[in-house]
Structures are given as structure tokens and as C-alpha cells.
Amino acid sequence: MTKFGQVDAPKWRKSSWSNDVACVEAAVVNGVLVRDSKQASGPRLRFSGTEWRHFILAAGAEGVR
């Protein structure tokens, strides 16, 4: 937050596995936001910290990249 109580813009990070076809970005803001980097102003998914942690653990266990 800024000193005036306004929320800072999310700091988006692109997946290291992204390419020209499949690009995903995530930002930590009261949980985790996920978006398609090719449509930055498009819809976003919001996950709680717990939901995101479960997703990452499951993806790693399945070898998803």
C-alpha cells in the first residue's frame, strides 16, 4: 500500500516456462492472481495462498511444466 492507502499495481512475473503460445503471469496480491500475459487486461484468476500452495505441490508431484 502507498502512504495514502491506495493499493499498488500488482507486480506481475512471467512463468519461466512461458513461450510465444502459452504465456502465464502471476502476482501476489491478497493471495495469487494469474492471467494470460497476451491479454493483460483480460480476466484473472484469484487463488488463496493455500489454494496456490496446493496447486504448486500437485503440479510438481505430477511433473506438470
Protein backbone atom coordinates (compact mmCIF):
# COMPACT_ATOMS: atom_id res chain seq x y z
CA MET A 1 0.00 0.00 0.00
CA THR A 2 1.05 3.55 -0.56
CA LYS A 3 1.14 6.07 2.28
CA PHE A 4 -2.27 7.36 1.12
CA GLY A 5 -3.95 3.97 1.42
CA GLN A 6 -4.05 3.25 -2.31
CA VAL A 7 -3.16 -0.26 -3.43
CA ASP A 8 -0.06 -0.53 -5.59
CA ALA A 9 -0.43 -2.13 -9.01
CA PRO A 10 0.33 -5.87 -8.99
CA LYS A 11 3.91 -6.81 -9.83
CA TRP A 12 3.42 -9.48 -12.48
CA ARG A 13 6.01 -12.23 -13.01
CA LYS A 14 6.06 -14.29 -16.18
CA SER A 15 6.49 -18.04 -15.88
CA SER A 16 9.95 -19.22 -16.89
CA TRP A 17 8.13 -21.91 -18.91
CA SER A 18 6.15 -19.38 -20.97
CA ASN A 19 6.65 -19.20 -24.72
CA ASP A 20 5.04 -17.43 -27.71
CA VAL A 21 1.93 -19.64 -27.49
CA ALA A 22 1.37 -20.26 -23.78
CA CYS A 23 2.20 -17.28 -21.57
CA VAL A 24 1.14 -17.11 -17.94
CA GLU A 25 1.90 -14.43 -15.36
CA ALA A 26 1.27 -14.40 -11.62
CA ALA A 27 1.22 -11.64 -8.99
CA VAL A 28 0.98 -11.86 -5.21
CA VAL A 29 -1.87 -9.60 -4.05
CA ASN A 30 -4.02 -10.87 -1.15
CA GLY A 31 -3.38 -14.35 -2.48
CA VAL A 32 -2.20 -15.01 -6.03
CA LEU A 33 -3.56 -13.55 -9.27
CA VAL A 34 -2.97 -15.42 -12.55
CA ARG A 35 -3.51 -14.05 -16.06
CA ASP A 36 -2.71 -14.72 -19.70
CA SER A 37 0.17 -12.36 -20.46
CA LYS A 38 -1.04 -11.95 -24.05
CA GLN A 39 -4.29 -10.47 -22.68
CA ALA A 40 -3.00 -8.37 -19.78
CA SER A 41 -6.30 -6.51 -19.37
CA GLY A 42 -8.35 -9.70 -19.70
CA PRO A 43 -9.79 -11.92 -16.97
CA ARG A 44 -7.74 -13.01 -13.98
CA LEU A 45 -7.99 -15.94 -11.63
CA ARG A 46 -7.52 -15.37 -7.89
CA PHE A 47 -6.27 -18.10 -5.58
CA SER A 48 -5.81 -18.00 -1.83
CA GLY A 49 -2.31 -18.73 -0.58
CA THR A 50 -3.45 -22.20 0.49
CA GLU A 51 -5.06 -22.95 -2.88
CA TRP A 52 -1.92 -21.80 -4.73
CA ARG A 53 0.33 -23.90 -2.49
CA HIS A 54 -1.81 -27.00 -3.17
CA PHE A 55 -1.72 -26.30 -6.91
CA ILE A 56 2.08 -25.93 -6.95
CA LEU A 57 2.57 -29.10 -4.89
CA ALA A 58 0.18 -31.09 -7.11
CA ALA A 59 1.73 -29.79 -10.32
CA GLY A 60 5.20 -30.72 -9.07
CA ALA A 61 4.06 -34.18 -8.00
CA GLU A 62 2.57 -34.81 -11.44
CA GLY A 63 5.59 -33.44 -13.29
CA VAL A 64 3.49 -30.71 -14.93
CA ARG A 65 5.56 -27.96 -16.50
